[in-house]
Amino acid sequence: MTSLHSKHLVLAVLMLAAGGLAGASAQPAKARWSPRVESIVVQAGMPKNWRMALTASHLGKAFSVSASIPVPYGDLDLVKEDDASELGRRVQVAARLVCQELDSKYPPTQYPLLEGYSGQECVRVTARDSMEQANMVIASAKH
């Protein structure tokens, strides 16, 4: 190998090594929000006993659907009133999202409801039921 090629090869190796060292010394960006495992589950369209609803019906098929979403609260200090209110806000948002998901996947005009709630009634009932769970978590944090 000629000395010119050797110098280029050595220069290339040094540049690669310097780049590798520079990359190794760079620190990764710190995550801004990393929720812990603590969460409650907001669920709409909870399963029901459909046999009772179908006994007087002439429908050929019926099925029960539900949607759920975990609501993290590990980043909140539930002893503080503002953070407890934030958990309530998160539950309300999650209730809207799961009810919208049910209505978009199973539109009431195409899939008539035998039992249950759609639209704003779904959001109200889902949020109410989920807030029972959230209130228990808040009460345990305060005691």
N, C-alpha and C. Protein backbone atom coordinates (compact mmCIF):
# COMPACT_ATOMS: atom_id res chain seq x y z
N MET A 1 0.84 -1.17 0.00
CA MET A 1 0.00 0.00 0.00
C MET A 1 0.88 1.23 0.00
N THR A 2 0.50 2.24 -0.71
CA THR A 2 1.30 3.45 -0.78
C THR A 2 1.10 4.23 0.50
N SER A 3 2.00 5.12 0.75
CA SER A 3 1.92 5.89 1.99
C SER A 3 0.74 6.85 1.98
N LEU A 4 0.33 7.34 0.80
CA LEU A 4 -0.83 8.22 0.71
C LEU A 4 -2.10 7.47 1.09
N HIS A 5 -2.24 6.25 0.58
CA HIS A 5 -3.41 5.43 0.92
C HIS A 5 -3.38 5.06 2.40
N SER A 6 -2.23 4.80 2.94
CA SER A 6 -2.10 4.47 4.35
C SER A 6 -2.53 5.64 5.21
N LYS A 7 -2.11 6.84 4.82
CA LYS A 7 -2.49 8.02 5.59
C LYS A 7 -3.99 8.23 5.56
N HIS A 8 -4.63 8.03 4.38
CA HIS A 8 -6.07 8.19 4.28
C HIS A 8 -6.81 7.14 5.12
N LEU A 9 -6.28 5.93 5.11
CA LEU A 9 -6.89 4.86 5.89
C LEU A 9 -6.79 5.16 7.38
N VAL A 10 -5.63 5.60 7.82
CA VAL A 10 -5.44 5.95 9.23
C VAL A 10 -6.34 7.12 9.61
N LEU A 11 -6.43 8.12 8.73
CA LEU A 11 -7.28 9.27 8.99
C LEU A 11 -8.75 8.86 9.10
N ALA A 12 -9.18 7.96 8.23
CA ALA A 12 -10.58 7.48 8.25
C ALA A 12 -10.86 6.73 9.54
N VAL A 13 -9.93 5.88 9.97
CA VAL A 13 -10.10 5.12 11.21
C VAL A 13 -10.17 6.07 12.41
N LEU A 14 -9.31 7.08 12.43
CA LEU A 14 -9.32 8.04 13.53
C LEU A 14 -10.63 8.82 13.57
N MET A 15 -11.14 9.20 12.40
CA MET A 15 -12.40 9.94 12.36
C MET A 15 -13.56 9.08 12.85
N LEU A 16 -13.57 7.82 12.45
CA LEU A 16 -14.63 6.92 12.93
C LEU A 16 -14.53 6.72 14.43
N ALA A 17 -13.34 6.55 14.94
CA ALA A 17 -13.15 6.36 16.38
C ALA A 17 -13.56 7.61 17.14
N ALA A 18 -13.22 8.77 16.64
CA ALA A 18 -13.59 10.02 17.30
C ALA A 18 -15.10 10.20 17.30
N GLY A 19 -15.73 9.84 16.18
CA GLY A 19 -17.19 9.93 16.11
C GLY A 19 -17.85 8.98 17.09
N GLY A 20 -17.32 7.78 17.22
CA GLY A 20 -17.86 6.81 18.17
C GLY A 20 -17.72 7.26 19.60
N LEU A 21 -16.58 7.87 19.91
CA LEU A 21 -16.37 8.38 21.27
C LEU A 21 -17.29 9.55 21.57
N ALA A 22 -17.48 10.40 20.59
CA ALA A 22 -18.36 11.55 20.79
C ALA A 22 -19.79 11.08 21.02
N GLY A 23 -20.21 10.05 20.27
CA GLY A 23 -21.56 9.52 20.45
C GLY A 23 -21.71 8.84 21.79
N ALA A 24 -20.64 8.19 22.28
CA ALA A 24 -20.71 7.51 23.56
C ALA A 24 -20.79 8.49 24.72
N SER A 25 -20.19 9.67 24.55
CA SER A 25 -20.20 10.62 25.65
C SER A 25 -21.48 11.44 25.69
N ALA A 26 -22.26 11.45 24.60
CA ALA A 26 -23.51 12.21 24.60
C ALA A 26 -24.53 11.51 25.48
N GLN A 27 -25.20 12.28 26.31
CA GLN A 27 -26.20 11.71 27.21
C GLN A 27 -27.56 11.75 26.53
N PRO A 28 -28.34 10.68 26.70
CA PRO A 28 -29.66 10.69 26.08
C PRO A 28 -30.55 11.73 26.75
N ALA A 29 -31.51 12.24 25.99
CA ALA A 29 -32.44 13.24 26.53
C ALA A 29 -33.29 12.60 27.62
N LYS A 30 -33.50 13.34 28.68
CA LYS A 30 -34.28 12.84 29.81
C LYS A 30 -35.76 12.91 29.45
N ALA A 31 -36.49 11.85 29.74
CA ALA A 31 -37.92 11.81 29.45
C ALA A 31 -38.63 12.85 30.29
N ARG A 32 -39.57 13.57 29.65
CA ARG A 32 -40.30 14.62 30.37
C ARG A 32 -41.39 14.04 31.25
N TRP A 33 -42.04 12.97 30.79
CA TRP A 33 -43.13 12.39 31.55
C TRP A 33 -43.04 10.89 31.45
N SER A 34 -42.86 10.25 32.55
CA SER A 34 -42.81 8.79 32.55
C SER A 34 -43.73 8.28 33.66
N PRO A 35 -44.98 8.00 33.29
CA PRO A 35 -45.94 7.58 34.32
C PRO A 35 -45.54 6.24 34.92
N ARG A 36 -45.85 6.09 36.19
CA ARG A 36 -45.62 4.82 36.85
C ARG A 36 -46.79 3.89 36.53
N VAL A 37 -46.77 2.71 37.07
CA VAL A 37 -47.76 1.70 36.76
C VAL A 37 -49.13 2.06 37.33
N GLU A 38 -49.18 2.91 38.34
CA GLU A 38 -50.45 3.21 38.98
C GLU A 38 -51.42 3.83 37.99
N SER A 39 -52.55 3.17 37.81
CA SER A 39 -53.59 3.70 36.94
C SER A 39 -54.92 3.07 37.30
N ILE A 40 -55.98 3.73 36.89
CA ILE A 40 -57.30 3.14 37.00
C ILE A 40 -57.78 2.90 35.57
N VAL A 41 -58.73 2.01 35.40
CA VAL A 41 -59.22 1.68 34.07
C VAL A 41 -60.63 2.23 33.93
N VAL A 42 -60.81 3.06 32.92
CA VAL A 42 -62.13 3.60 32.59
C VAL A 42 -62.71 2.71 31.51
N GLN A 43 -63.90 2.14 31.79
CA GLN A 43 -64.51 1.21 30.85
C GLN A 43 -65.95 1.60 30.57
N ALA A 44 -66.29 1.65 29.29
CA ALA A 44 -67.66 1.93 28.86
C ALA A 44 -68.27 0.65 28.32
N GLY A 45 -69.57 0.53 28.47
CA GLY A 45 -70.28 -0.63 27.94
C GLY A 45 -69.91 -1.88 28.69
N MET A 46 -70.03 -1.83 30.00
CA MET A 46 -69.65 -2.98 30.81
C MET A 46 -70.55 -4.17 30.46
N PRO A 47 -69.99 -5.38 30.47
CA PRO A 47 -70.78 -6.56 30.10
C PRO A 47 -72.02 -6.71 30.97
N LYS A 48 -73.10 -7.17 30.35
CA LYS A 48 -74.37 -7.35 31.04
C LYS A 48 -74.88 -8.75 30.74
N ASN A 49 -75.94 -9.14 31.42
CA ASN A 49 -76.56 -10.43 31.18
C ASN A 49 -77.51 -10.28 29.99
N TRP A 50 -77.06 -10.66 28.81
CA TRP A 50 -77.83 -10.44 27.59
C TRP A 50 -78.97 -11.44 27.42
N ARG A 51 -78.94 -12.57 28.13
CA ARG A 51 -80.03 -13.53 27.98
C ARG A 51 -81.37 -12.92 28.36
N MET A 52 -81.36 -12.12 29.42
CA MET A 52 -82.60 -11.48 29.85
C MET A 52 -83.11 -10.52 28.78
N ALA A 53 -82.22 -9.82 28.13
CA ALA A 53 -82.62 -8.85 27.12
C ALA A 53 -83.11 -9.54 25.85
N LEU A 54 -82.63 -10.75 25.59
CA LEU A 54 -82.97 -11.43 24.34
C LEU A 54 -84.19 -12.35 24.45
N THR A 55 -84.70 -12.64 25.62
CA THR A 55 -85.79 -13.61 25.74
C THR A 55 -87.04 -13.17 25.00
N ALA A 56 -87.36 -11.90 25.01
CA ALA A 56 -88.55 -11.41 24.32
C ALA A 56 -88.21 -10.85 22.95
N SER A 57 -87.02 -11.09 22.48
CA SER A 57 -86.57 -10.49 21.23
C SER A 57 -86.55 -11.53 20.12
N HIS A 58 -86.69 -11.05 18.90
CA HIS A 58 -86.62 -11.93 17.74
C HIS A 58 -85.30 -11.74 16.99
N LEU A 59 -84.33 -11.14 17.64
CA LEU A 59 -83.04 -10.92 16.98
C LEU A 59 -82.30 -12.24 16.84
N GLY A 60 -81.61 -12.38 15.73
CA GLY A 60 -80.85 -13.59 15.50
C GLY A 60 -79.55 -13.61 16.27
N LYS A 61 -78.92 -12.46 16.40
CA LYS A 61 -77.63 -12.41 17.08
C LYS A 61 -77.57 -11.15 17.94
N ALA A 62 -76.87 -11.27 19.02
CA ALA A 62 -76.59 -10.10 19.85
C ALA A 62 -75.21 -10.30 20.45
N PHE A 63 -74.55 -9.23 20.71
CA PHE A 63 -73.24 -9.31 21.34
C PHE A 63 -73.04 -8.10 22.22
N SER A 64 -72.17 -8.28 23.14
CA SER A 64 -71.85 -7.23 24.10
C SER A 64 -70.50 -6.65 23.72
N VAL A 65 -70.39 -5.32 23.73
CA VAL A 65 -69.12 -4.67 23.42
C VAL A 65 -68.74 -3.73 24.55
N SER A 66 -67.47 -3.50 24.68
CA SER A 66 -66.99 -2.53 25.65
C SER A 66 -65.67 -1.97 25.16
N ALA A 67 -65.28 -0.87 25.73
CA ALA A 67 -63.99 -0.26 25.43
C ALA A 67 -63.43 0.25 26.74
N SER A 68 -62.13 0.23 26.86
CA SER A 68 -61.51 0.71 28.10
C SER A 68 -60.20 1.40 27.78
N ILE A 69 -59.77 2.21 28.75
CA ILE A 69 -58.50 2.92 28.61
C ILE A 69 -57.92 3.10 30.01
N PRO A 70 -56.63 2.83 30.19
CA PRO A 70 -56.02 3.08 31.50
C PRO A 70 -55.77 4.58 31.69
N VAL A 71 -55.99 5.04 32.90
CA VAL A 71 -55.76 6.45 33.23
C VAL A 71 -54.66 6.49 34.29
N PRO A 72 -53.45 6.91 33.91
CA PRO A 72 -52.34 6.93 34.86
C PRO A 72 -52.49 8.07 35.87
N TYR A 73 -52.07 7.81 37.10
CA TYR A 73 -52.07 8.86 38.12
C TYR A 73 -50.80 8.84 38.96
N GLY A 74 -49.81 8.06 38.56
CA GLY A 74 -48.57 7.95 39.33
C GLY A 74 -47.80 9.26 39.41
N ASP A 75 -48.04 10.17 38.49
CA ASP A 75 -47.33 11.45 38.50
C ASP A 75 -48.05 12.49 39.37
N LEU A 76 -49.18 12.12 39.97
CA LEU A 76 -49.97 13.06 40.77
C LEU A 76 -49.78 12.79 42.25
N ASP A 77 -49.81 13.86 43.04
CA ASP A 77 -49.82 13.76 44.49
C ASP A 77 -51.28 13.95 44.91
N LEU A 78 -52.00 12.85 45.08
CA LEU A 78 -53.44 12.91 45.27
C LEU A 78 -53.86 13.51 46.60
N VAL A 79 -52.91 13.80 47.48
CA VAL A 79 -53.23 14.51 48.72
C VAL A 79 -53.57 15.96 48.40
N LYS A 80 -52.94 16.49 47.35
CA LYS A 80 -53.20 17.87 46.93
C LYS A 80 -54.52 17.93 46.16
N GLU A 81 -55.32 18.93 46.48
CA GLU A 81 -56.64 19.08 45.85
C GLU A 81 -56.53 19.28 44.33
N ASP A 82 -55.54 20.05 43.88
CA ASP A 82 -55.37 20.28 42.44
C ASP A 82 -55.07 18.98 41.70
N ASP A 83 -54.24 18.12 42.29
CA ASP A 83 -53.90 16.86 41.64
C ASP A 83 -55.08 15.89 41.67
N ALA A 84 -55.86 15.90 42.74
CA ALA A 84 -57.06 15.07 42.80
C ALA A 84 -58.06 15.52 41.73
N SER A 85 -58.18 16.83 41.54
CA SER A 85 -59.06 17.36 40.49
C SER A 85 -58.54 16.97 39.11
N GLU A 86 -57.23 16.95 38.94
CA GLU A 86 -56.64 16.55 37.67
C GLU A 86 -56.99 15.09 37.36
N LEU A 87 -56.98 14.22 38.37
CA LEU A 87 -57.38 12.84 38.13
C LEU A 87 -58.83 12.78 37.67
N GLY A 88 -59.69 13.58 38.29
CA GLY A 88 -61.09 13.64 37.86
C GLY A 88 -61.22 14.12 36.42
N ARG A 89 -60.41 15.09 36.04
CA ARG A 89 -60.44 15.58 34.66
C ARG A 89 -59.99 14.50 33.70
N ARG A 90 -58.95 13.76 34.07
CA ARG A 90 -58.47 12.67 33.22
C ARG A 90 -59.53 11.59 33.05
N VAL A 91 -60.26 11.30 34.11
CA VAL A 91 -61.32 10.30 34.03
C VAL A 91 -62.42 10.78 33.08
N GLN A 92 -62.78 12.07 33.15
CA GLN A 92 -63.81 12.62 32.26
C GLN A 92 -63.36 12.51 30.79
N VAL A 93 -62.12 12.86 30.53
CA VAL A 93 -61.59 12.78 29.16
C VAL A 93 -61.60 11.33 28.67
N ALA A 94 -61.16 10.42 29.53
CA ALA A 94 -61.12 9.00 29.16
C ALA A 94 -62.53 8.47 28.90
N ALA A 95 -63.50 8.90 29.70
CA ALA A 95 -64.89 8.47 29.50
C ALA A 95 -65.40 8.92 28.13
N ARG A 96 -65.09 10.17 27.77
CA ARG A 96 -65.50 10.65 26.44
C ARG A 96 -64.84 9.83 25.34
N LEU A 97 -63.55 9.54 25.50
CA LEU A 97 -62.81 8.80 24.47
C LEU A 97 -63.35 7.38 24.27
N VAL A 98 -63.61 6.66 25.37
CA VAL A 98 -64.08 5.28 25.21
C VAL A 98 -65.49 5.24 24.65
N CYS A 99 -66.33 6.19 25.01
CA CYS A 99 -67.69 6.21 24.46
C CYS A 99 -67.67 6.59 22.98
N GLN A 100 -66.79 7.52 22.61
CA GLN A 100 -66.64 7.86 21.19
C GLN A 100 -66.14 6.66 20.40
N GLU A 101 -65.22 5.91 21.00
CA GLU A 101 -64.70 4.72 20.33
C GLU A 101 -65.81 3.71 20.09
N LEU A 102 -66.65 3.48 21.09
CA LEU A 102 -67.77 2.54 20.92
C LEU A 102 -68.73 3.02 19.85
N ASP A 103 -69.08 4.31 19.89
CA ASP A 103 -70.03 4.83 18.90
C ASP A 103 -69.45 4.84 17.49
N SER A 104 -68.13 5.01 17.36
CA SER A 104 -67.55 5.00 16.01
C SER A 104 -67.41 3.57 15.48
N LYS A 105 -67.07 2.62 16.34
CA LYS A 105 -66.95 1.24 15.89
C LYS A 105 -68.31 0.57 15.70
N TYR A 106 -69.26 0.93 16.56
CA TYR A 106 -70.58 0.32 16.53
C TYR A 106 -71.63 1.44 16.55
N PRO A 107 -71.87 2.12 15.42
CA PRO A 107 -72.82 3.23 15.41
C PRO A 107 -74.22 2.74 15.81
N PRO A 108 -74.88 3.45 16.74
CA PRO A 108 -76.20 3.02 17.20
C PRO A 108 -77.23 2.92 16.06
N THR A 109 -77.03 3.65 14.97
CA THR A 109 -77.96 3.55 13.84
C THR A 109 -77.82 2.21 13.12
N GLN A 110 -76.64 1.62 13.16
CA GLN A 110 -76.40 0.35 12.50
C GLN A 110 -76.51 -0.83 13.46
N TYR A 111 -76.16 -0.60 14.73
CA TYR A 111 -76.20 -1.63 15.75
C TYR A 111 -77.13 -1.15 16.87
N PRO A 112 -78.42 -1.44 16.77
CA PRO A 112 -79.34 -0.94 17.80
C PRO A 112 -78.99 -1.51 19.17
N LEU A 113 -79.14 -0.68 20.17
CA LEU A 113 -78.82 -1.08 21.54
C LEU A 113 -79.99 -1.83 22.16
N LEU A 114 -79.70 -2.97 22.74
CA LEU A 114 -80.70 -3.69 23.51
C LEU A 114 -80.74 -3.13 24.92
N GLU A 115 -79.58 -2.80 25.40
CA GLU A 115 -79.42 -2.35 26.77
C GLU A 115 -78.14 -1.54 26.81
N GLY A 116 -78.11 -0.50 27.56
CA GLY A 116 -76.90 0.29 27.67
C GLY A 116 -77.13 1.73 27.26
N TYR A 117 -76.05 2.44 27.06
CA TYR A 117 -76.12 3.87 26.82
C TYR A 117 -75.26 4.24 25.63
N SER A 118 -75.67 5.27 24.94
CA SER A 118 -74.82 5.80 23.88
C SER A 118 -74.77 7.31 24.03
N GLY A 119 -73.84 7.92 23.33
CA GLY A 119 -73.73 9.37 23.34
C GLY A 119 -73.38 9.93 24.71
N GLN A 120 -74.02 11.05 25.05
CA GLN A 120 -73.72 11.75 26.31
C GLN A 120 -74.09 10.91 27.53
N GLU A 121 -75.11 10.08 27.41
CA GLU A 121 -75.49 9.22 28.54
C GLU A 121 -74.38 8.21 28.83
N CYS A 122 -73.74 7.70 27.79
CA CYS A 122 -72.61 6.79 27.96
C CYS A 122 -71.49 7.49 28.72
N VAL A 123 -71.17 8.71 28.33
CA VAL A 123 -70.09 9.47 28.98
C VAL A 123 -70.43 9.71 30.45
N ARG A 124 -71.66 10.10 30.72
CA ARG A 124 -72.07 10.40 32.10
C ARG A 124 -71.97 9.16 32.98
N VAL A 125 -72.52 8.05 32.52
CA VAL A 125 -72.52 6.81 33.32
C VAL A 125 -71.10 6.26 33.48
N THR A 126 -70.32 6.28 32.40
CA THR A 126 -68.95 5.78 32.46
C THR A 126 -68.10 6.61 33.41
N ALA A 127 -68.21 7.93 33.32
CA ALA A 127 -67.44 8.82 34.22
C ALA A 127 -67.88 8.61 35.67
N ARG A 128 -69.18 8.49 35.90
CA ARG A 128 -69.68 8.29 37.26
C ARG A 128 -69.13 6.99 37.85
N ASP A 129 -69.21 5.90 37.08
CA ASP A 129 -68.72 4.61 37.58
C ASP A 129 -67.21 4.63 37.79
N SER A 130 -66.49 5.28 36.91
CA SER A 130 -65.03 5.33 37.02
C SER A 130 -64.58 6.24 38.16
N MET A 131 -65.35 7.28 38.44
CA MET A 131 -64.99 8.19 39.54
C MET A 131 -65.13 7.49 40.89
N GLU A 132 -65.97 6.47 40.98
CA GLU A 132 -66.04 5.69 42.23
C GLU A 132 -64.68 5.07 42.51
N GLN A 133 -64.06 4.50 41.48
CA GLN A 133 -62.73 3.91 41.62
C GLN A 133 -61.69 4.99 41.91
N ALA A 134 -61.77 6.10 41.21
CA ALA A 134 -60.82 7.20 41.43
C ALA A 134 -60.95 7.77 42.84
N ASN A 135 -62.17 7.92 43.34
CA ASN A 135 -62.38 8.44 44.68
C ASN A 135 -61.82 7.51 45.75
N MET A 136 -61.86 6.21 45.51
CA MET A 136 -61.26 5.27 46.47
C MET A 136 -59.74 5.44 46.48
N VAL A 137 -59.14 5.65 45.31
CA VAL A 137 -57.69 5.85 45.22
C VAL A 137 -57.30 7.15 45.93
N ILE A 138 -58.08 8.20 45.71
CA ILE A 138 -57.81 9.50 46.34
C ILE A 138 -57.95 9.38 47.85
N ALA A 139 -59.00 8.71 48.32
CA ALA A 139 -59.20 8.56 49.77
C ALA A 139 -58.07 7.75 50.40
N SER A 140 -57.59 6.72 49.73
CA SER A 140 -56.49 5.93 50.31
C SER A 140 -55.21 6.75 50.33
N ALA A 141 -55.02 7.65 49.40
CA ALA A 141 -53.82 8.49 49.38
C ALA A 141 -53.84 9.50 50.52
N LYS A 142 -55.03 9.94 50.91
CA LYS A 142 -55.15 10.94 51.97
C LYS A 142 -55.07 10.35 53.36
N HIS A 143 -55.21 9.04 53.45
CA HIS A 143 -55.16 8.41 54.79
C HIS A 143 -53.98 7.55 54.96
